[in-house]
PDB file of N, CA and C in Angstrom:
ATOM      1  N   MET A   1      84.851 102.821  95.804  1.00  0.00           N
ATOM      2  CA  MET A   1      85.398 104.026  95.209  1.00  0.00           C
ATOM      3  C   MET A   1      86.450 104.609  96.154  1.00  0.00           C
ATOM      4  N   PRO A   2      87.663 104.823  95.671  1.00  0.00           N
ATOM      5  CA  PRO A   2      88.714 105.348  96.543  1.00  0.00           C
ATOM      6  C   PRO A   2      88.477 106.809  96.927  1.00  0.00           C
ATOM      7  N   ILE A   3      89.008 107.169  98.070  1.00  0.00           N
ATOM      8  CA  ILE A   3      88.945 108.557  98.534  1.00  0.00           C
ATOM      9  C   ILE A   3      89.881 109.394  97.661  1.00  0.00           C
ATOM     10  N   PRO A   4      89.411 110.536  97.140  1.00  0.00           N
ATOM     11  CA  PRO A   4      90.325 111.398  96.382  1.00  0.00           C
ATOM     12  C   PRO A   4      91.406 111.945  97.323  1.00  0.00           C
ATOM     13  N   ALA A   5      92.647 111.704  96.978  1.00  0.00           N
ATOM     14  CA  ALA A   5      93.749 112.105  97.848  1.00  0.00           C
ATOM     15  C   ALA A   5      94.967 112.456  97.007  1.00  0.00           C
ATOM     16  N   LYS A   6      95.739 113.389  97.508  1.00  0.00           N
ATOM     17  CA  LYS A   6      96.988 113.761  96.847  1.00  0.00           C
ATOM     18  C   LYS A   6      98.034 112.698  97.168  1.00  0.00           C
ATOM     19  N   GLN A   7      98.654 112.138  96.149  1.00  0.00           N
ATOM     20  CA  GLN A   7      99.695 111.117  96.331  1.00  0.00           C
ATOM     21  C   GLN A   7     100.987 111.791  96.788  1.00  0.00           C
ATOM     22  N   VAL A   8     101.600 111.265  97.847  1.00  0.00           N
ATOM     23  CA  VAL A   8     102.883 111.768  98.339  1.00  0.00           C
ATOM     24  C   VAL A   8     103.865 110.605  98.424  1.00  0.00           C
ATOM     25  N   THR A   9     105.129 110.931  98.595  1.00  0.00           N
ATOM     26  CA  THR A   9     106.161 109.913  98.777  1.00  0.00           C
ATOM     27  C   THR A   9     106.692 110.010 100.206  1.00  0.00           C
ATOM     28  N   LYS A  10     107.476 109.019 100.602  1.00  0.00           N
ATOM     29  CA  LYS A  10     108.096 109.071 101.931  1.00  0.00           C
ATOM     30  C   LYS A  10     108.970 110.310 102.070  1.00  0.00           C
ATOM     31  N   GLU A  11     109.595 110.712 100.981  1.00  0.00           N
ATOM     32  CA  GLU A  11     110.498 111.862 101.006  1.00  0.00           C
ATOM     33  C   GLU A  11     109.749 113.194 101.132  1.00  0.00           C
ATOM     34  N   THR A  12     108.518 113.272 100.641  1.00  0.00           N
ATOM     35  CA  THR A  12     107.771 114.538 100.666  1.00  0.00           C
ATOM     36  C   THR A  12     106.706 114.598 101.757  1.00  0.00           C
ATOM     37  N   LEU A  13     106.432 113.483 102.415  1.00  0.00           N
ATOM     38  CA  LEU A  13     105.322 113.399 103.370  1.00  0.00           C
ATOM     39  C   LEU A  13     105.394 114.453 104.470  1.00  0.00           C
ATOM     40  N   VAL A  14     106.483 114.497 105.211  1.00  0.00           N
ATOM     41  CA  VAL A  14     106.570 115.395 106.370  1.00  0.00           C
ATOM     42  C   VAL A  14     106.478 116.856 105.935  1.00  0.00           C
ATOM     43  N   ALA A  15     107.094 117.221 104.831  1.00  0.00           N
ATOM     44  CA  ALA A  15     107.017 118.604 104.332  1.00  0.00           C
ATOM     45  C   ALA A  15     105.589 118.965 103.937  1.00  0.00           C
ATOM     46  N   GLU A  16     104.888 118.043 103.282  1.00  0.00           N
ATOM     47  CA  GLU A  16     103.481 118.284 102.906  1.00  0.00           C
ATOM     48  C   GLU A  16     102.630 118.491 104.158  1.00  0.00           C
ATOM     49  N   VAL A  17     102.836 117.650 105.157  1.00  0.00           N
ATOM     50  CA  VAL A  17     102.060 117.742 106.394  1.00  0.00           C
ATOM     51  C   VAL A  17     102.383 119.041 107.128  1.00  0.00           C
ATOM     52  N   ALA A  18     103.633 119.452 107.132  1.00  0.00           N
ATOM     53  CA  ALA A  18     104.015 120.719 107.766  1.00  0.00           C
ATOM     54  C   ALA A  18     103.315 121.899 107.092  1.00  0.00           C
ATOM     55  N   GLN A  19     103.124 121.820 105.774  1.00  0.00           N
ATOM     56  CA  GLN A  19     102.392 122.875 105.066  1.00  0.00           C
ATOM     57  C   GLN A  19     100.933 122.921 105.516  1.00  0.00           C
ATOM     58  N   TYR A  20     100.330 121.753 105.702  1.00  0.00           N
ATOM     59  CA  TYR A  20      98.953 121.721 106.208  1.00  0.00           C
ATOM     60  C   TYR A  20      98.880 122.388 107.581  1.00  0.00           C
ATOM     61  N   LYS A  21      99.809 122.052 108.459  1.00  0.00           N
ATOM     62  CA  LYS A  21      99.791 122.639 109.801  1.00  0.00           C
ATOM     63  C   LYS A  21      99.974 124.154 109.737  1.00  0.00           C
ATOM     64  N   SER A  22     100.914 124.616 108.928  1.00  0.00           N
ATOM     65  CA  SER A  22     101.154 126.062 108.790  1.00  0.00           C
ATOM     66  C   SER A  22      99.930 126.799 108.266  1.00  0.00           C
ATOM     67  N   ALA A  23      99.144 126.124 107.445  1.00  0.00           N
ATOM     68  CA  ALA A  23      97.941 126.734 106.868  1.00  0.00           C
ATOM     69  C   ALA A  23      96.721 126.599 107.783  1.00  0.00           C
ATOM     70  N   GLY A  24      96.908 126.027 108.980  1.00  0.00           N
ATOM     71  CA  GLY A  24      95.806 125.951 109.937  1.00  0.00           C
ATOM     72  C   GLY A  24      94.940 124.707 109.854  1.00  0.00           C
ATOM     73  N   TRP A  25      95.405 123.675 109.152  1.00  0.00           N
ATOM     74  CA  TRP A  25      94.641 122.433 109.051  1.00  0.00           C
ATOM     75  C   TRP A  25      94.839 121.600 110.309  1.00  0.00           C
ATOM     76  N   ARG A  26      93.802 120.880 110.696  1.00  0.00           N
ATOM     77  CA  ARG A  26      93.837 119.982 111.849  1.00  0.00           C
ATOM     78  C   ARG A  26      94.087 118.561 111.354  1.00  0.00           C
ATOM     79  N   PHE A  27      95.029 117.855 111.981  1.00  0.00           N
ATOM     80  CA  PHE A  27      95.242 116.443 111.668  1.00  0.00           C
ATOM     81  C   PHE A  27      94.134 115.651 112.350  1.00  0.00           C
ATOM     82  N   VAL A  28      93.365 114.906 111.567  1.00  0.00           N
ATOM     83  CA  VAL A  28      92.237 114.144 112.107  1.00  0.00           C
ATOM     84  C   VAL A  28      92.686 112.738 112.486  1.00  0.00           C
ATOM     85  N   THR A  29      93.202 111.994 111.540  1.00  0.00           N
ATOM     86  CA  THR A  29      93.686 110.637 111.788  1.00  0.00           C
ATOM     87  C   THR A  29      94.405 110.130 110.547  1.00  0.00           C
ATOM     88  N   ALA A  30      94.873 108.903 110.639  1.00  0.00           N
ATOM     89  CA  ALA A  30      95.464 108.209 109.492  1.00  0.00           C
ATOM     90  C   ALA A  30      94.791 106.847 109.390  1.00  0.00           C
ATOM     91  N   THR A  31      94.653 106.366 108.175  1.00  0.00           N
ATOM     92  CA  THR A  31      94.033 105.070 107.912  1.00  0.00           C
ATOM     93  C   THR A  31      95.026 104.214 107.142  1.00  0.00           C
ATOM     94  N   CYS A  32      95.218 102.983 107.593  1.00  0.00           N
ATOM     95  CA  CYS A  32      96.099 102.055 106.891  1.00  0.00           C
ATOM     96  C   CYS A  32      95.245 101.046 106.138  1.00  0.00           C
ATOM     97  N   VAL A  33      95.581 100.823 104.874  1.00  0.00           N
ATOM     98  CA  VAL A  33      94.852  99.879 104.026  1.00  0.00           C
ATOM     99  C   VAL A  33      95.847  98.844 103.505  1.00  0.00           C
ATOM    100  N   ASP A  34      95.550  97.583 103.749  1.00  0.00           N
ATOM    101  CA  ASP A  34      96.383  96.476 103.280  1.00  0.00           C
ATOM    102  C   ASP A  34      96.038  96.228 101.815  1.00  0.00           C
ATOM    103  N   LEU A  35      96.894  96.680 100.896  1.00  0.00           N
ATOM    104  CA  LEU A  35      96.599  96.604  99.462  1.00  0.00           C
ATOM    105  C   LEU A  35      96.818  95.219  98.871  1.00  0.00           C
ATOM    106  N   ASN A  36      97.959  94.630  99.187  1.00  0.00           N
ATOM    107  CA  ASN A  36      98.332  93.334  98.616  1.00  0.00           C
ATOM    108  C   ASN A  36      99.457  92.747  99.459  1.00  0.00           C
ATOM    109  N   GLU A  37     100.107  91.724  98.966  1.00  0.00           N
ATOM    110  CA  GLU A  37     101.177  91.078  99.734  1.00  0.00           C
ATOM    111  C   GLU A  37     102.356  91.996 100.019  1.00  0.00           C
ATOM    112  N   ASN A  38     102.532  93.027  99.214  1.00  0.00           N
ATOM    113  CA  ASN A  38     103.746  93.840  99.314  1.00  0.00           C
ATOM    114  C   ASN A  38     103.558  95.279  99.763  1.00  0.00           C
ATOM    115  N   GLU A  39     102.330  95.818  99.710  1.00  0.00           N
ATOM    116  CA  GLU A  39     102.153  97.258  99.940  1.00  0.00           C
ATOM    117  C   GLU A  39     100.983  97.589 100.866  1.00  0.00           C
ATOM    118  N   PHE A  40     101.160  98.736 101.535  1.00  0.00           N
ATOM    119  CA  PHE A  40     100.096  99.381 102.293  1.00  0.00           C
ATOM    120  C   PHE A  40      99.836 100.748 101.678  1.00  0.00           C
ATOM    121  N   ASP A  41      98.615 101.225 101.795  1.00  0.00           N
ATOM    122  CA  ASP A  41      98.286 102.635 101.603  1.00  0.00           C
ATOM    123  C   ASP A  41      98.071 103.215 102.985  1.00  0.00           C
ATOM    124  N   ILE A  42      98.632 104.389 103.233  1.00  0.00           N
ATOM    125  CA  ILE A  42      98.284 105.142 104.436  1.00  0.00           C
ATOM    126  C   ILE A  42      97.629 106.419 103.953  1.00  0.00           C
ATOM    127  N   LEU A  43      96.408 106.635 104.407  1.00  0.00           N
ATOM    128  CA  LEU A  43      95.672 107.859 104.086  1.00  0.00           C
ATOM    129  C   LEU A  43      95.733 108.770 105.306  1.00  0.00           C
ATOM    130  N   TYR A  44      96.177 109.994 105.102  1.00  0.00           N
ATOM    131  CA  TYR A  44      96.246 110.993 106.164  1.00  0.00           C
ATOM    132  C   TYR A  44      95.102 111.974 105.942  1.00  0.00           C
ATOM    133  N   HIS A  45      94.314 112.226 106.990  1.00  0.00           N
ATOM    134  CA  HIS A  45      93.089 113.019 106.869  1.00  0.00           C
ATOM    135  C   HIS A  45      93.238 114.339 107.639  1.00  0.00           C
ATOM    136  N   PHE A  46      92.877 115.436 106.984  1.00  0.00           N
ATOM    137  CA  PHE A  46      92.996 116.776 107.557  1.00  0.00           C
ATOM    138  C   PHE A  46      91.677 117.523 107.410  1.00  0.00           C
ATOM    139  N   ASP A  47      91.409 118.429 108.368  1.00  0.00           N
ATOM    140  CA  ASP A  47      90.163 119.195 108.375  1.00  0.00           C
ATOM    141  C   ASP A  47      90.466 120.670 108.615  1.00  0.00           C
ATOM    142  N   LYS A  48      89.754 121.515 107.874  1.00  0.00           N
ATOM    143  CA  LYS A  48      89.807 122.958 108.117  1.00  0.00           C
ATOM    144  C   LYS A  48      88.477 123.542 107.668  1.00  0.00           C
ATOM    145  N   ASP A  49      87.794 124.216 108.576  1.00  0.00           N
ATOM    146  CA  ASP A  49      86.525 124.874 108.262  1.00  0.00           C
ATOM    147  C   ASP A  49      85.534 123.924 107.585  1.00  0.00           C
ATOM    148  N   LEU A  50      85.405 122.722 108.149  1.00  0.00           N
ATOM    149  CA  LEU A  50      84.464 121.695 107.682  1.00  0.00           C
ATOM    150  C   LEU A  50      84.792 121.153 106.285  1.00  0.00           C
ATOM    151  N   THR A  51      86.034 121.339 105.862  1.00  0.00           N
ATOM    152  CA  THR A  51      86.501 120.773 104.597  1.00  0.00           C
ATOM    153  C   THR A  51      87.552 119.716 104.920  1.00  0.00           C
ATOM    154  N   MET A  52      87.437 118.563 104.274  1.00  0.00           N
ATOM    155  CA  MET A  52      88.404 117.484 104.475  1.00  0.00           C
ATOM    156  C   MET A  52      89.327 117.393 103.259  1.00  0.00           C
ATOM    157  N   GLU A  53      90.602 117.178 103.525  1.00  0.00           N
ATOM    158  CA  GLU A  53      91.573 116.866 102.479  1.00  0.00           C
ATOM    159  C   GLU A  53      92.389 115.667 102.938  1.00  0.00           C
ATOM    160  N   HIS A  54      92.945 114.944 101.964  1.00  0.00           N
ATOM    161  CA  HIS A  54      93.612 113.689 102.274  1.00  0.00           C
ATOM    162  C   HIS A  54      94.917 113.576 101.496  1.00  0.00           C
ATOM    163  N   LEU A  55      95.894 112.949 102.135  1.00  0.00           N
ATOM    164  CA  LEU A  55      97.141 112.577 101.475  1.00  0.00           C
ATOM    165  C   LEU A  55      97.204 111.058 101.437  1.00  0.00           C
ATOM    166  N   ARG A  56      97.740 110.510 100.354  1.00  0.00           N
ATOM    167  CA  ARG A  56      97.885 109.051 100.217  1.00  0.00           C
ATOM    168  C   ARG A  56      99.363 108.715 100.043  1.00  0.00           C
ATOM    169  N   LEU A  57      99.844 107.813 100.896  1.00  0.00           N
ATOM    170  CA  LEU A  57     101.212 107.319 100.817  1.00  0.00           C
ATOM    171  C   LEU A  57     101.152 105.813 100.590  1.00  0.00           C
ATOM    172  N   THR A  58     101.709 105.344  99.484  1.00  0.00           N
ATOM    173  CA  THR A  58     101.784 103.909  99.205  1.00  0.00           C
ATOM    174  C   THR A  58     103.203 103.467  99.520  1.00  0.00           C
ATOM    175  N   VAL A  59     103.322 102.480 100.422  1.00  0.00           N
ATOM    176  CA  VAL A  59     104.650 102.053 100.878  1.00  0.00           C
ATOM    177  C   VAL A  59     104.787 100.537 100.868  1.00  0.00           C
ATOM    178  N   PRO A  60     105.997 100.056 100.614  1.00  0.00           N
ATOM    179  CA  PRO A  60     106.253  98.627 100.783  1.00  0.00           C
ATOM    180  C   PRO A  60     106.118  98.245 102.258  1.00  0.00           C
ATOM    181  N   LYS A  61     105.626  97.052 102.511  1.00  0.00           N
ATOM    182  CA  LYS A  61     105.417  96.604 103.887  1.00  0.00           C
ATOM    183  C   LYS A  61     106.713  96.490 104.678  1.00  0.00           C
ATOM    184  N   THR A  62     107.812  96.342 103.999  1.00  0.00           N
ATOM    185  CA  THR A  62     109.088  96.123 104.678  1.00  0.00           C
ATOM    186  C   THR A  62     109.839  97.409 105.003  1.00  0.00           C
ATOM    187  N   GLU A  63     109.351  98.557 104.540  1.00  0.00           N
ATOM    188  CA  GLU A  63     110.069  99.816 104.749  1.00  0.00           C
ATOM    189  C   GLU A  63     109.396 100.672 105.815  1.00  0.00           C
ATOM    190  N   PRO A  64     110.187 101.309 106.691  1.00  0.00           N
ATOM    191  CA  PRO A  64     109.600 102.215 107.678  1.00  0.00           C
ATOM    192  C   PRO A  64     109.077 103.490 107.021  1.00  0.00           C
ATOM    193  N   VAL A  65     108.142 104.123 107.705  1.00  0.00           N
ATOM    194  CA  VAL A  65     107.491 105.343 107.232  1.00  0.00           C
ATOM    195  C   VAL A  65     107.884 106.488 108.170  1.00  0.00           C
ATOM    196  N   PRO A  66     108.124 107.685 107.661  1.00  0.00           N
ATOM    197  CA  PRO A  66     108.415 108.813 108.549  1.00  0.00           C
ATOM    198  C   PRO A  66     107.208 109.123 109.437  1.00  0.00           C
ATOM    199  N   SER A  67     107.466 109.348 110.708  1.00  0.00           N
ATOM    200  CA  SER A  67     106.398 109.687 111.644  1.00  0.00           C
ATOM    201  C   SER A  67     105.986 111.148 111.476  1.00  0.00           C
ATOM    202  N   LEU A  68     104.703 111.405 111.686  1.00  0.00           N
ATOM    203  CA  LEU A  68     104.196 112.781 111.682  1.00  0.00           C
ATOM    204  C   LEU A  68     104.202 113.391 113.079  1.00  0.00           C
ATOM    205  N   SER A  69     104.611 112.621 114.087  1.00  0.00           N
ATOM    206  CA  SER A  69     104.523 113.097 115.469  1.00  0.00           C
ATOM    207  C   SER A  69     105.432 114.292 115.741  1.00  0.00           C
ATOM    208  N   GLY A  70     106.409 114.548 114.882  1.00  0.00           N
ATOM    209  CA  GLY A  70     107.224 115.751 115.018  1.00  0.00           C
ATOM    210  C   GLY A  70     106.501 117.005 114.561  1.00  0.00           C
ATOM    211  N   VAL A  71     105.461 116.834 113.757  1.00  0.00           N
ATOM    212  CA  VAL A  71     104.654 117.956 113.268  1.00  0.00           C
ATOM    213  C   VAL A  71     103.368 118.054 114.086  1.00  0.00           C
ATOM    214  N   TYR A  72     102.644 116.955 114.171  1.00  0.00           N
ATOM    215  CA  TYR A  72     101.427 116.853 114.981  1.00  0.00           C
ATOM    216  C   TYR A  72     101.696 115.783 116.037  1.00  0.00           C
ATOM    217  N   LEU A  73     101.956 116.184 117.277  1.00  0.00           N
ATOM    218  CA  LEU A  73     102.299 115.226 118.330  1.00  0.00           C
ATOM    219  C   LEU A  73     101.254 114.121 118.471  1.00  0.00           C
ATOM    220  N   ALA A  74      99.980 114.473 118.327  1.00  0.00           N
ATOM    221  CA  ALA A  74      98.901 113.492 118.503  1.00  0.00           C
ATOM    222  C   ALA A  74      98.975 112.338 117.507  1.00  0.00           C
ATOM    223  N   ALA A  75      99.731 112.483 116.432  1.00  0.00           N
ATOM    224  CA  ALA A  75      99.860 111.407 115.444  1.00  0.00           C
ATOM    225  C   ALA A  75     100.506 110.166 116.047  1.00  0.00           C
ATOM    226  N   PHE A  76     101.211 110.312 117.179  1.00  0.00           N
ATOM    227  CA  PHE A  76     101.869 109.147 117.771  1.00  0.00           C
ATOM    228  C   PHE A  76     100.867 108.060 118.133  1.00  0.00           C
ATOM    229  N   LEU A  77      99.641 108.426 118.474  1.00  0.00           N
ATOM    230  CA  LEU A  77      98.641 107.415 118.845  1.00  0.00           C
ATOM    231  C   LEU A  77      98.243 106.548 117.658  1.00  0.00           C
ATOM    232  N   VAL A  78      97.848 107.159 116.564  1.00  0.00           N
ATOM    233  CA  VAL A  78      97.415 106.369 115.408  1.00  0.00           C
ATOM    234  C   VAL A  78      98.601 105.647 114.771  1.00  0.00           C
ATOM    235  N   GLU A  79      99.784 106.229 114.823  1.00  0.00           N
ATOM    236  CA  GLU A  79     100.954 105.539 114.273  1.00  0.00           C
ATOM    237  C   GLU A  79     101.305 104.303 115.100  1.00  0.00           C
ATOM    238  N   ASN A  80     101.199 104.392 116.417  1.00  0.00           N
ATOM    239  CA  ASN A  80     101.402 103.209 117.260  1.00  0.00           C
ATOM    240  C   ASN A  80     100.329 102.158 117.001  1.00  0.00           C
ATOM    241  N   GLU A  81      99.099 102.598 116.781  1.00  0.00           N
ATOM    242  CA  GLU A  81      98.021 101.658 116.462  1.00  0.00           C
ATOM    243  C   GLU A  81      98.315 100.924 115.152  1.00  0.00           C
ATOM    244  N   ILE A  82      98.767 101.647 114.138  1.00  0.00           N
ATOM    245  CA  ILE A  82      99.103 101.026 112.853  1.00  0.00           C
ATOM    246  C   ILE A  82     100.265 100.044 113.027  1.00  0.00           C
ATOM    247  N   GLN A  83     101.249 100.402 113.838  1.00  0.00           N
ATOM    248  CA  GLN A  83     102.350  99.468 114.117  1.00  0.00           C
ATOM    249  C   GLN A  83     101.824  98.175 114.722  1.00  0.00           C
ATOM    250  N   ASP A  84     100.947  98.300 115.723  1.00  0.00           N
ATOM    251  CA  ASP A  84     100.383  97.117 116.391  1.00  0.00           C
ATOM    252  C   ASP A  84      99.551  96.270 115.444  1.00  0.00           C
ATOM    253  N   GLN A  85      98.657  96.904 114.719  1.00  0.00           N
ATOM    254  CA  GLN A  85      97.653  96.166 113.959  1.00  0.00           C
ATOM    255  C   GLN A  85      98.126  95.706 112.582  1.00  0.00           C
ATOM    256  N   PHE A  86      99.100  96.406 111.988  1.00  0.00           N
ATOM    257  CA  PHE A  86      99.540  96.078 110.632  1.00  0.00           C
ATOM    258  C   PHE A  86     101.021  95.711 110.535  1.00  0.00           C
ATOM    259  N   GLY A  87     101.801  95.987 111.567  1.00  0.00           N
ATOM    260  CA  GLY A  87     103.221  95.646 111.541  1.00  0.00           C
ATOM    261  C   GLY A  87     104.099  96.628 110.792  1.00  0.00           C
ATOM    262  N   LEU A  88     103.556  97.767 110.400  1.00  0.00           N
ATOM    263  CA  LEU A  88     104.329  98.797 109.710  1.00  0.00           C
ATOM    264  C   LEU A  88     105.095  99.615 110.750  1.00  0.00           C
ATOM    265  N   CYS A  89     106.347  99.951 110.487  1.00  0.00           N
ATOM    266  CA  CYS A  89     107.166 100.705 111.438  1.00  0.00           C
ATOM    267  C   CYS A  89     107.247 102.176 111.040  1.00  0.00           C
ATOM    268  N   PHE A  90     107.370 103.040 112.055  1.00  0.00           N
ATOM    269  CA  PHE A  90     107.487 104.481 111.836  1.00  0.00           C
ATOM    270  C   PHE A  90     108.818 104.973 112.380  1.00  0.00           C
ATOM    271  N   ASP A  91     109.550 105.726 111.566  1.00  0.00           N
ATOM    272  CA  ASP A  91     110.811 106.346 111.984  1.00  0.00           C
ATOM    273  C   ASP A  91     110.527 107.674 112.666  1.00  0.00           C
ATOM    274  N   GLY A  92     111.198 107.919 113.802  1.00  0.00           N
ATOM    275  CA  GLY A  92     111.080 109.203 114.477  1.00  0.00           C
ATOM    276  C   GLY A  92     109.823 109.370 115.295  1.00  0.00           C
ATOM    277  N   LEU A  93     109.198 108.289 115.678  1.00  0.00           N
ATOM    278  CA  LEU A  93     107.969 108.332 116.474  1.00  0.00           C
ATOM    279  C   LEU A  93     108.262 108.959 117.835  1.00  0.00           C
ATOM    280  N   ALA A  94     107.541 110.027 118.202  1.00  0.00           N
ATOM    281  CA  ALA A  94     107.801 110.766 119.441  1.00  0.00           C
ATOM    282  C   ALA A  94     107.653 109.887 120.678  1.00  0.00           C
ATOM    283  N   LEU A  95     106.663 109.023 120.687  1.00  0.00           N
ATOM    284  CA  LEU A  95     106.441 108.092 121.794  1.00  0.00           C
ATOM    285  C   LEU A  95     106.115 106.743 121.175  1.00  0.00           C
ATOM    286  N   ASN A  96     107.061 105.819 121.249  1.00  0.00           N
ATOM    287  CA  ASN A  96     106.926 104.533 120.576  1.00  0.00           C
ATOM    288  C   ASN A  96     106.609 103.442 121.594  1.00  0.00           C
ATOM    289  N   PHE A  97     105.417 102.867 121.488  1.00  0.00           N
ATOM    290  CA  PHE A  97     105.014 101.786 122.381  1.00  0.00           C
ATOM    291  C   PHE A  97     105.568 100.433 121.920  1.00  0.00           C
ATOM    292  N   ALA A  98     106.300 100.402 120.828  1.00  0.00           N
ATOM    293  CA  ALA A  98     106.983  99.198 120.332  1.00  0.00           C
ATOM    294  C   ALA A  98     106.060  97.984 120.276  1.00  0.00           C
ATOM    295  N   ASN A  99     104.935  98.141 119.579  1.00  0.00           N
ATOM    296  CA  ASN A  99     103.945  97.070 119.383  1.00  0.00           C
ATOM    297  C   ASN A  99     103.235  96.646 120.659  1.00  0.00           C
ATOM    298  N   HIS A 100     103.154  97.541 121.641  1.00  0.00           N
ATOM    299  CA  HIS A 100     102.461  97.221 122.888  1.00  0.00           C
ATOM    300  C   HIS A 100     101.409  98.264 123.263  1.00  0.00           C
ATOM    301  N   LEU A 101     100.943  99.057 122.318  1.00  0.00           N
ATOM    302  CA  LEU A 101      99.852  99.985 122.615  1.00  0.00           C
ATOM    303  C   LEU A 101      98.592  99.195 122.924  1.00  0.00           C
ATOM    304  N   TYR A 102      98.264  98.222 122.071  1.00  0.00           N
ATOM    305  CA  TYR A 102      97.096  97.365 122.258  1.00  0.00           C
ATOM    306  C   TYR A 102      97.452  95.911 122.511  1.00  0.00           C
ATOM    307  N   LEU A 103      98.594  95.459 121.993  1.00  0.00           N
ATOM    308  CA  LEU A 103      98.900  94.033 121.975  1.00  0.00           C
ATOM    309  C   LEU A 103      99.811  93.617 123.122  1.00  0.00           C
ATOM    310  N   ASP A 104      99.556  92.440 123.666  1.00  0.00           N
ATOM    311  CA  ASP A 104     100.412  91.855 124.690  1.00  0.00           C
ATOM    312  C   ASP A 104     101.565  91.114 124.032  1.00  0.00           C
ATOM    313  N   ASP A 105     102.537  90.726 124.841  1.00  0.00           N
ATOM    314  CA  ASP A 105     103.714  90.019 124.332  1.00  0.00           C
ATOM    315  C   ASP A 105     103.376  88.718 123.621  1.00  0.00           C
ATOM    316  N   GLU A 106     102.328  88.024 124.072  1.00  0.00           N
ATOM    317  CA  GLU A 106     102.027  86.715 123.481  1.00  0.00           C
ATOM    318  C   GLU A 106     101.387  86.804 122.094  1.00  0.00           C
ATOM    319  N   VAL A 107     100.986  87.985 121.656  1.00  0.00           N
ATOM    320  CA  VAL A 107     100.416  88.140 120.314  1.00  0.00           C
ATOM    321  C   VAL A 107     101.574  88.208 119.321  1.00  0.00           C
ATOM    322  N   ALA A 108     101.647  87.222 118.428  1.00  0.00           N
ATOM    323  CA  ALA A 108     102.798  87.111 117.529  1.00  0.00           C
ATOM    324  C   ALA A 108     102.530  87.631 116.121  1.00  0.00           C
ATOM    325  N   THR A 109     101.254  87.781 115.730  1.00  0.00           N
ATOM    326  CA  THR A 109     100.946  88.251 114.381  1.00  0.00           C
ATOM    327  C   THR A 109     100.179  89.563 114.445  1.00  0.00           C
ATOM    328  N   THR A 110     100.179  90.264 113.336  1.00  0.00           N
ATOM    329  CA  THR A 110      99.449  91.525 113.258  1.00  0.00           C
ATOM    330  C   THR A 110      98.001  91.239 112.877  1.00  0.00           C
ATOM    331  N   PRO A 111      97.041  91.612 113.725  1.00  0.00           N
ATOM    332  CA  PRO A 111      95.647  91.209 113.533  1.00  0.00           C
ATOM    333  C   PRO A 111      94.982  91.677 112.247  1.00  0.00           C
ATOM    334  N   PHE A 112      95.307  92.863 111.737  1.00  0.00           N
ATOM    335  CA  PHE A 112      94.577  93.397 110.593  1.00  0.00           C
ATOM    336  C   PHE A 112      95.329  93.301 109.272  1.00  0.00           C
ATOM    337  N   CYS A 113      96.473  92.689 109.280  1.00  0.00           N
ATOM    338  CA  CYS A 113      97.240  92.510 108.047  1.00  0.00           C
ATOM    339  C   CYS A 113      96.835  91.170 107.443  1.00  0.00           C
ATOM    340  N   LYS A 114      96.120  91.203 106.334  1.00  0.00           N
ATOM    341  CA  LYS A 114      95.547  89.970 105.791  1.00  0.00           C
ATOM    342  C   LYS A 114      96.588  88.999 105.252  1.00  0.00           C
ATOM    343  N   PHE A 115      97.832  89.439 105.103  1.00  0.00           N
ATOM    344  CA  PHE A 115      98.873  88.545 104.622  1.00  0.00           C
ATOM    345  C   PHE A 115      99.820  88.117 105.728  1.00  0.00           C
ATOM    346  N   GLY A 116      99.452  88.342 106.987  1.00  0.00           N
ATOM    347  CA  GLY A 116     100.144  87.771 108.133  1.00  0.00           C
ATOM    348  C   GLY A 116     101.581  88.175 108.363  1.00  0.00           C
ATOM    349  N   VAL A 117     101.827  89.448 108.618  1.00  0.00           N
ATOM    350  CA  VAL A 117     103.153  89.887 109.028  1.00  0.00           C
ATOM    351  C   VAL A 117     103.392  89.367 110.441  1.00  0.00           C
ATOM    352  N   VAL A 118     104.524  88.719 110.672  1.00  0.00           N
ATOM    353  CA  VAL A 118     104.845  88.174 111.989  1.00  0.00           C
ATOM    354  C   VAL A 118     105.802  89.123 112.683  1.00  0.00           C
ATOM    355  N   ARG A 119     105.477  89.466 113.945  1.00  0.00           N
ATOM    356  CA  ARG A 119     106.325  90.364 114.721  1.00  0.00           C
ATOM    357  C   ARG A 119     107.611  89.667 115.122  1.00  0.00           C
ATOM    358  N   LYS A 120     108.719  90.390 115.089  1.00  0.00           N
ATOM    359  CA  LYS A 120     109.993  89.861 115.565  1.00  0.00           C
ATOM    360  C   LYS A 120     110.049  90.008 117.077  1.00  0.00           C
ATOM    361  N   THR A 121     110.620  89.028 117.735  1.00  0.00           N
ATOM    362  CA  THR A 121     110.857  89.145 119.167  1.00  0.00           C
ATOM    363  C   THR A 121     112.255  89.698 119.374  1.00  0.00           C
ATOM    364  N   ALA A 122     112.528  90.189 120.570  1.00  0.00           N
ATOM    365  CA  ALA A 122     113.849  90.741 120.859  1.00  0.00           C
ATOM    366  C   ALA A 122     114.929  89.675 120.692  1.00  0.00           C
ATOM    367  N   ALA A 123     114.613  88.424 121.023  1.00  0.00           N
ATOM    368  CA  ALA A 123     115.580  87.335 120.899  1.00  0.00           C
ATOM    369  C   ALA A 123     115.901  87.024 119.442  1.00  0.00           C
ATOM    370  N   ALA A 124     114.931  87.240 118.545  1.00  0.00           N
ATOM    371  CA  ALA A 124     115.120  86.929 117.125  1.00  0.00           C
ATOM    372  C   ALA A 124     115.942  87.982 116.404  1.00  0.00           C
ATOM    373  N   GLU A 125     116.035  89.162 116.967  1.00  0.00           N
ATOM    374  CA  GLU A 125     116.758  90.256 116.312  1.00  0.00           C
ATOM    375  C   GLU A 125     118.191  90.170 116.553  1.00  0.00           C
TER     376      GLU A 125
END
């Protein structure tokens, strides 16, 4: 059973998150779900007074996602983790470990992406 969540787009994500922050909500974490060969779901989780609310962003695997680190600085950790483990890129990441938060240079594939996204090396770009 899916988590009930408000669907957002890449264009509305940061504004929606800024509203949560202004209203006193705490950013808890983000969860990446590998949906199929072409898409990921990212669920953003927020808490206020023991109530949880969630935003859902469905994105193509090939497109970057706006970073929340400009609104909630701590988001840089989970966004770097998602980059490492799923190969999804974030635009505007406050501190970007460039796929090296958890992974060493010799790791060429994304461990949790069931359809095998291969990381580009600097020489290949």
